[in-house]
């Protein structure tokens, strides 16, 4: 079983227009607190991010927010977190998220959420870490993305092994169970010392 006591969650800083997504974020936060899982996230007090953090804190859980200096505005950053880490830039922010977490989950979000998800997934594919990555498919939000990934497999751009690195579930408990059972593959055979 994979140790999951600190999980980084990527999600939108907007509210979106689907209440079921916000509800799922709140459920995830409550579940983290219940299982003593520390939340690592982007430190915003707005949108799905804010709802997630509030749900963890309201249930007496721990939340670590990581935000680059240029985004640290009083109306955006959550000042009531367990810990707030300020970085110089976005890249340093992602490195810190990776350093502090032993798992990752993507909730619905926008371009930034997808960028974070696929960068950390690429790092796993390259063997740069062995941490589980989950996709919480709230109310079918990621159905089209899953179809695109399946197309990439059929067209020969993504191997089935790499496709299966992304753990997908529509329920919080189901996703956490898959993440706990995750076993990272060996470093890809095409990555040698000469090419790494």
C-alpha atoms as a PDB file:
ATOM      1  CA  UNK A   1       0.000   0.000   0.000  1.00  0.00           C
ATOM      2  CA  UNK A   2       1.229   3.449  -0.911  1.00  0.00           C
ATOM      3  CA  UNK A   3       1.580   5.897   1.985  1.00  0.00           C
ATOM      4  CA  UNK A   4      -0.786   8.806   1.392  1.00  0.00           C
ATOM      5  CA  UNK A   5      -0.577  11.291   4.235  1.00  0.00           C
ATOM      6  CA  UNK A   6       0.053  14.381   2.099  1.00  0.00           C
ATOM      7  CA  UNK A   7      -1.710  14.839  -1.243  1.00  0.00           C
ATOM      8  CA  UNK A   8      -1.419  17.728  -3.656  1.00  0.00           C
ATOM      9  CA  UNK A   9      -4.667  18.676  -5.384  1.00  0.00           C
ATOM     10  CA  UNK A  10      -4.775  20.576  -8.670  1.00  0.00           C
ATOM     11  CA  UNK A  11      -8.092  22.341  -9.319  1.00  0.00           C
ATOM     12  CA  UNK A  12      -9.720  25.499 -10.587  1.00  0.00           C
ATOM     13  CA  UNK A  13      -9.471  28.936  -9.023  1.00  0.00           C
ATOM     14  CA  UNK A  14     -12.870  29.597 -10.594  1.00  0.00           C
ATOM     15  CA  UNK A  15     -16.188  28.331  -9.244  1.00  0.00           C
ATOM     16  CA  UNK A  16     -17.376  26.998 -12.597  1.00  0.00           C
ATOM     17  CA  UNK A  17     -21.111  26.458 -13.087  1.00  0.00           C
ATOM     18  CA  UNK A  18     -21.604  22.881 -11.854  1.00  0.00           C
ATOM     19  CA  UNK A  19     -22.462  22.629  -8.158  1.00  0.00           C
ATOM     20  CA  UNK A  20     -21.644  18.911  -8.197  1.00  0.00           C
ATOM     21  CA  UNK A  21     -17.993  19.789  -8.798  1.00  0.00           C
ATOM     22  CA  UNK A  22     -17.890  22.086  -5.780  1.00  0.00           C
ATOM     23  CA  UNK A  23     -19.668  19.408  -3.752  1.00  0.00           C
ATOM     24  CA  UNK A  24     -17.042  16.848  -4.803  1.00  0.00           C
ATOM     25  CA  UNK A  25     -14.250  19.236  -3.751  1.00  0.00           C
ATOM     26  CA  UNK A  26     -15.872  19.628  -0.337  1.00  0.00           C
ATOM     27  CA  UNK A  27     -16.270  15.858   0.012  1.00  0.00           C
ATOM     28  CA  UNK A  28     -12.616  15.372  -0.898  1.00  0.00           C
ATOM     29  CA  UNK A  29     -11.575  17.918   1.737  1.00  0.00           C
ATOM     30  CA  UNK A  30     -13.705  16.292   4.420  1.00  0.00           C
ATOM     31  CA  UNK A  31     -12.262  12.896   3.505  1.00  0.00           C
ATOM     32  CA  UNK A  32      -8.719  14.232   3.777  1.00  0.00           C
ATOM     33  CA  UNK A  33      -9.408  15.548   7.265  1.00  0.00           C
ATOM     34  CA  UNK A  34     -11.106  12.291   8.289  1.00  0.00           C
ATOM     35  CA  UNK A  35      -8.087  10.229   7.181  1.00  0.00           C
ATOM     36  CA  UNK A  36      -5.473  12.718   8.470  1.00  0.00           C
ATOM     37  CA  UNK A  37      -4.299  13.534   4.960  1.00  0.00           C
ATOM     38  CA  UNK A  38      -2.658  16.944   4.667  1.00  0.00           C
ATOM     39  CA  UNK A  39      -3.808  18.956   1.655  1.00  0.00           C
ATOM     40  CA  UNK A  40      -1.186  20.675  -0.494  1.00  0.00           C
ATOM     41  CA  UNK A  41      -2.652  23.084  -3.039  1.00  0.00           C
ATOM     42  CA  UNK A  42      -2.234  26.446  -4.777  1.00  0.00           C
ATOM     43  CA  UNK A  43      -3.159  28.596  -1.731  1.00  0.00           C
ATOM     44  CA  UNK A  44      -6.155  30.441  -3.203  1.00  0.00           C
ATOM     45  CA  UNK A  45      -9.244  31.250  -1.156  1.00  0.00           C
ATOM     46  CA  UNK A  46     -11.449  31.485  -4.254  1.00  0.00           C
ATOM     47  CA  UNK A  47     -13.117  29.023  -6.612  1.00  0.00           C
ATOM     48  CA  UNK A  48     -12.952  25.242  -6.274  1.00  0.00           C
ATOM     49  CA  UNK A  49      -9.549  25.680  -4.630  1.00  0.00           C
ATOM     50  CA  UNK A  50     -11.060  27.798  -1.880  1.00  0.00           C
ATOM     51  CA  UNK A  51     -13.977  25.418  -1.317  1.00  0.00           C
ATOM     52  CA  UNK A  52     -11.561  22.496  -1.018  1.00  0.00           C
ATOM     53  CA  UNK A  53      -9.284  24.232   1.489  1.00  0.00           C
ATOM     54  CA  UNK A  54     -12.221  25.483   3.569  1.00  0.00           C
ATOM     55  CA  UNK A  55     -13.694  21.994   3.810  1.00  0.00           C
ATOM     56  CA  UNK A  56     -10.398  20.579   5.113  1.00  0.00           C
ATOM     57  CA  UNK A  57      -9.951  23.386   7.644  1.00  0.00           C
ATOM     58  CA  UNK A  58     -13.590  23.251   8.782  1.00  0.00           C
ATOM     59  CA  UNK A  59     -13.049  19.560   9.596  1.00  0.00           C
ATOM     60  CA  UNK A  60      -9.889  20.384  11.606  1.00  0.00           C
ATOM     61  CA  UNK A  61      -7.539  19.118   8.899  1.00  0.00           C
ATOM     62  CA  UNK A  62      -4.192  20.522   7.766  1.00  0.00           C
ATOM     63  CA  UNK A  63      -3.657  22.601   4.632  1.00  0.00           C
ATOM     64  CA  UNK A  64      -0.391  23.751   3.066  1.00  0.00           C
ATOM     65  CA  UNK A  65      -0.759  26.436   0.413  1.00  0.00           C
ATOM     66  CA  UNK A  66       1.990  27.159  -2.114  1.00  0.00           C
ATOM     67  CA  UNK A  67       1.810  30.347  -4.142  1.00  0.00           C
ATOM     68  CA  UNK A  68       4.254  32.368  -6.250  1.00  0.00           C
ATOM     69  CA  UNK A  69       4.947  35.906  -5.089  1.00  0.00           C
ATOM     70  CA  UNK A  70       3.271  37.557  -8.090  1.00  0.00           C
ATOM     71  CA  UNK A  71      -0.055  35.850  -7.304  1.00  0.00           C
ATOM     72  CA  UNK A  72       0.073  36.692  -3.614  1.00  0.00           C
ATOM     73  CA  UNK A  73      -2.659  39.311  -3.448  1.00  0.00           C
ATOM     74  CA  UNK A  74      -4.805  39.757  -0.375  1.00  0.00           C
ATOM     75  CA  UNK A  75      -8.029  39.097  -2.259  1.00  0.00           C
ATOM     76  CA  UNK A  76      -6.705  35.804  -3.715  1.00  0.00           C
ATOM     77  CA  UNK A  77      -4.395  34.130  -1.192  1.00  0.00           C
ATOM     78  CA  UNK A  78      -5.902  32.221   1.732  1.00  0.00           C
ATOM     79  CA  UNK A  79      -4.397  33.641   4.933  1.00  0.00           C
ATOM     80  CA  UNK A  80      -5.928  31.095   7.306  1.00  0.00           C
ATOM     81  CA  UNK A  81      -3.969  28.034   6.226  1.00  0.00           C
ATOM     82  CA  UNK A  82      -1.915  25.720   8.428  1.00  0.00           C
ATOM     83  CA  UNK A  83       1.148  26.749   6.427  1.00  0.00           C
ATOM     84  CA  UNK A  84       1.703  29.175   3.544  1.00  0.00           C
ATOM     85  CA  UNK A  85       4.759  28.808   1.320  1.00  0.00           C
ATOM     86  CA  UNK A  86       5.715  31.606  -1.084  1.00  0.00           C
ATOM     87  CA  UNK A  87       7.834  30.793  -4.134  1.00  0.00           C
ATOM     88  CA  UNK A  88       9.603  32.988  -6.670  1.00  0.00           C
ATOM     89  CA  UNK A  89       7.791  31.594  -9.709  1.00  0.00           C
ATOM     90  CA  UNK A  90       5.394  28.949 -11.038  1.00  0.00           C
ATOM     91  CA  UNK A  91       8.113  26.380 -11.712  1.00  0.00           C
ATOM     92  CA  UNK A  92       9.406  26.592  -8.145  1.00  0.00           C
ATOM     93  CA  UNK A  93       5.801  26.267  -6.947  1.00  0.00           C
ATOM     94  CA  UNK A  94       5.372  22.948  -8.787  1.00  0.00           C
ATOM     95  CA  UNK A  95       8.706  21.659  -7.523  1.00  0.00           C
ATOM     96  CA  UNK A  96       7.651  22.470  -3.946  1.00  0.00           C
ATOM     97  CA  UNK A  97       4.276  20.761  -4.456  1.00  0.00           C
ATOM     98  CA  UNK A  98       6.109  17.673  -5.678  1.00  0.00           C
ATOM     99  CA  UNK A  99       8.583  17.778  -2.801  1.00  0.00           C
ATOM    100  CA  UNK A 100       5.921  18.004  -0.081  1.00  0.00           C
ATOM    101  CA  UNK A 101       3.412  15.487  -1.483  1.00  0.00           C
ATOM    102  CA  UNK A 102       3.295  11.715  -1.829  1.00  0.00           C
ATOM    103  CA  UNK A 103       0.338  11.704  -4.212  1.00  0.00           C
ATOM    104  CA  UNK A 104      -1.568  13.990  -6.578  1.00  0.00           C
ATOM    105  CA  UNK A 105      -5.215  14.455  -7.505  1.00  0.00           C
ATOM    106  CA  UNK A 106      -6.721  16.596 -10.248  1.00  0.00           C
ATOM    107  CA  UNK A 107     -10.220  17.937  -9.721  1.00  0.00           C
ATOM    108  CA  UNK A 108     -11.973  19.852 -12.512  1.00  0.00           C
ATOM    109  CA  UNK A 109     -10.316  23.086 -13.484  1.00  0.00           C
ATOM    110  CA  UNK A 110      -9.006  25.023 -16.455  1.00  0.00           C
ATOM    111  CA  UNK A 111      -5.804  25.267 -18.459  1.00  0.00           C
ATOM    112  CA  UNK A 112      -3.606  25.638 -15.369  1.00  0.00           C
ATOM    113  CA  UNK A 113      -5.058  22.486 -13.827  1.00  0.00           C
ATOM    114  CA  UNK A 114      -4.386  20.491 -16.992  1.00  0.00           C
ATOM    115  CA  UNK A 115      -0.858  21.891 -17.215  1.00  0.00           C
ATOM    116  CA  UNK A 116      -0.089  20.837 -13.638  1.00  0.00           C
ATOM    117  CA  UNK A 117      -1.655  17.404 -14.138  1.00  0.00           C
ATOM    118  CA  UNK A 118       0.228  16.622 -17.329  1.00  0.00           C
ATOM    119  CA  UNK A 119       3.562  17.903 -16.070  1.00  0.00           C
ATOM    120  CA  UNK A 120       3.445  15.702 -12.975  1.00  0.00           C
ATOM    121  CA  UNK A 121       2.201  12.803 -15.125  1.00  0.00           C
ATOM    122  CA  UNK A 122       5.116  13.337 -17.522  1.00  0.00           C
ATOM    123  CA  UNK A 123       7.532  13.252 -14.589  1.00  0.00           C
ATOM    124  CA  UNK A 124       6.056   9.888 -13.552  1.00  0.00           C
ATOM    125  CA  UNK A 125       6.281   8.577 -17.118  1.00  0.00           C
ATOM    126  CA  UNK A 126       9.958   9.580 -17.195  1.00  0.00           C
ATOM    127  CA  UNK A 127      10.660   7.876 -13.873  1.00  0.00           C
ATOM    128  CA  UNK A 128      11.386  11.127 -12.033  1.00  0.00           C
ATOM    129  CA  UNK A 129       9.024  10.090  -9.240  1.00  0.00           C
ATOM    130  CA  UNK A 130       6.910   7.068  -8.252  1.00  0.00           C
ATOM    131  CA  UNK A 131       3.908   8.815  -6.684  1.00  0.00           C
ATOM    132  CA  UNK A 132       0.296   7.995  -7.641  1.00  0.00           C
ATOM    133  CA  UNK A 133      -1.700  10.476  -9.715  1.00  0.00           C
ATOM    134  CA  UNK A 134      -5.483  10.450  -9.577  1.00  0.00           C
ATOM    135  CA  UNK A 135      -8.141  12.087 -11.711  1.00  0.00           C
ATOM    136  CA  UNK A 136     -11.453  12.689  -9.926  1.00  0.00           C
ATOM    137  CA  UNK A 137     -13.937  12.598 -12.784  1.00  0.00           C
ATOM    138  CA  UNK A 138     -16.739  14.648 -11.216  1.00  0.00           C
ATOM    139  CA  UNK A 139     -20.042  14.430 -13.074  1.00  0.00           C
ATOM    140  CA  UNK A 140     -18.338  13.314 -16.283  1.00  0.00           C
ATOM    141  CA  UNK A 141     -16.112  16.420 -16.441  1.00  0.00           C
ATOM    142  CA  UNK A 142     -13.107  14.505 -17.761  1.00  0.00           C
ATOM    143  CA  UNK A 143     -14.947  12.097 -20.101  1.00  0.00           C
ATOM    144  CA  UNK A 144     -13.711  13.902 -23.212  1.00  0.00           C
ATOM    145  CA  UNK A 145     -10.145  14.008 -21.919  1.00  0.00           C
ATOM    146  CA  UNK A 146     -10.263  10.268 -21.301  1.00  0.00           C
ATOM    147  CA  UNK A 147     -11.482   9.752 -24.876  1.00  0.00           C
ATOM    148  CA  UNK A 148      -8.607  11.876 -26.165  1.00  0.00           C
ATOM    149  CA  UNK A 149      -6.088   9.827 -24.200  1.00  0.00           C
ATOM    150  CA  UNK A 150      -7.626   6.630 -25.597  1.00  0.00           C
ATOM    151  CA  UNK A 151      -7.253   8.085 -29.095  1.00  0.00           C
ATOM    152  CA  UNK A 152      -3.591   8.823 -28.348  1.00  0.00           C
ATOM    153  CA  UNK A 153      -3.159   5.154 -27.412  1.00  0.00           C
ATOM    154  CA  UNK A 154      -4.904   3.935 -30.588  1.00  0.00           C
ATOM    155  CA  UNK A 155      -2.806   6.266 -32.758  1.00  0.00           C
ATOM    156  CA  UNK A 156       0.427   5.074 -31.168  1.00  0.00           C
ATOM    157  CA  UNK A 157       1.463   8.235 -29.308  1.00  0.00           C
ATOM    158  CA  UNK A 158       0.803   6.927 -25.781  1.00  0.00           C
ATOM    159  CA  UNK A 159       1.501   3.385 -24.622  1.00  0.00           C
ATOM    160  CA  UNK A 160      -1.142   1.520 -22.678  1.00  0.00           C
ATOM    161  CA  UNK A 161       1.313   1.325 -19.773  1.00  0.00           C
ATOM    162  CA  UNK A 162       1.580   5.112 -19.683  1.00  0.00           C
ATOM    163  CA  UNK A 163      -2.173   5.550 -20.134  1.00  0.00           C
ATOM    164  CA  UNK A 164      -2.694   3.398 -17.051  1.00  0.00           C
ATOM    165  CA  UNK A 165      -0.415   5.616 -14.960  1.00  0.00           C
ATOM    166  CA  UNK A 166      -3.350   8.012 -14.572  1.00  0.00           C
ATOM    167  CA  UNK A 167      -5.757   6.573 -12.003  1.00  0.00           C
ATOM    168  CA  UNK A 168      -9.348   7.567 -12.730  1.00  0.00           C
ATOM    169  CA  UNK A 169     -12.485   7.297 -10.601  1.00  0.00           C
ATOM    170  CA  UNK A 170     -15.727   9.194 -10.144  1.00  0.00           C
ATOM    171  CA  UNK A 171     -15.762   8.703  -6.355  1.00  0.00           C
ATOM    172  CA  UNK A 172     -13.425  10.049  -3.700  1.00  0.00           C
ATOM    173  CA  UNK A 173     -13.043   6.798  -1.766  1.00  0.00           C
ATOM    174  CA  UNK A 174     -12.618   4.757  -4.942  1.00  0.00           C
ATOM    175  CA  UNK A 175      -9.869   7.044  -6.185  1.00  0.00           C
ATOM    176  CA  UNK A 176      -8.007   7.014  -2.865  1.00  0.00           C
ATOM    177  CA  UNK A 177      -8.136   3.209  -2.828  1.00  0.00           C
ATOM    178  CA  UNK A 178      -6.632   3.051  -6.321  1.00  0.00           C
ATOM    179  CA  UNK A 179      -3.923   5.504  -5.306  1.00  0.00           C
ATOM    180  CA  UNK A 180      -3.064   3.548  -2.165  1.00  0.00           C
ATOM    181  CA  UNK A 181      -2.681   0.353  -4.228  1.00  0.00           C
ATOM    182  CA  UNK A 182      -0.584   2.019  -6.963  1.00  0.00           C
ATOM    183  CA  UNK A 183       2.730   0.472  -7.940  1.00  0.00           C
ATOM    184  CA  UNK A 184       4.951   2.548 -10.160  1.00  0.00           C
ATOM    185  CA  UNK A 185       6.438   0.823 -13.200  1.00  0.00           C
ATOM    186  CA  UNK A 186      10.139   0.538 -13.791  1.00  0.00           C
ATOM    187  CA  UNK A 187      11.873   3.442 -15.500  1.00  0.00           C
ATOM    188  CA  UNK A 188      11.069   3.221 -19.236  1.00  0.00           C
ATOM    189  CA  UNK A 189      13.505   1.061 -21.181  1.00  0.00           C
ATOM    190  CA  UNK A 190      14.182   3.873 -23.659  1.00  0.00           C
ATOM    191  CA  UNK A 191      15.548   6.100 -20.843  1.00  0.00           C
ATOM    192  CA  UNK A 192      19.235   5.268 -20.475  1.00  0.00           C
ATOM    193  CA  UNK A 193      21.981   7.207 -18.734  1.00  0.00           C
ATOM    194  CA  UNK A 194      23.006   8.595 -22.098  1.00  0.00           C
ATOM    195  CA  UNK A 195      19.502   9.859 -22.861  1.00  0.00           C
ATOM    196  CA  UNK A 196      18.288  10.884 -19.378  1.00  0.00           C
END
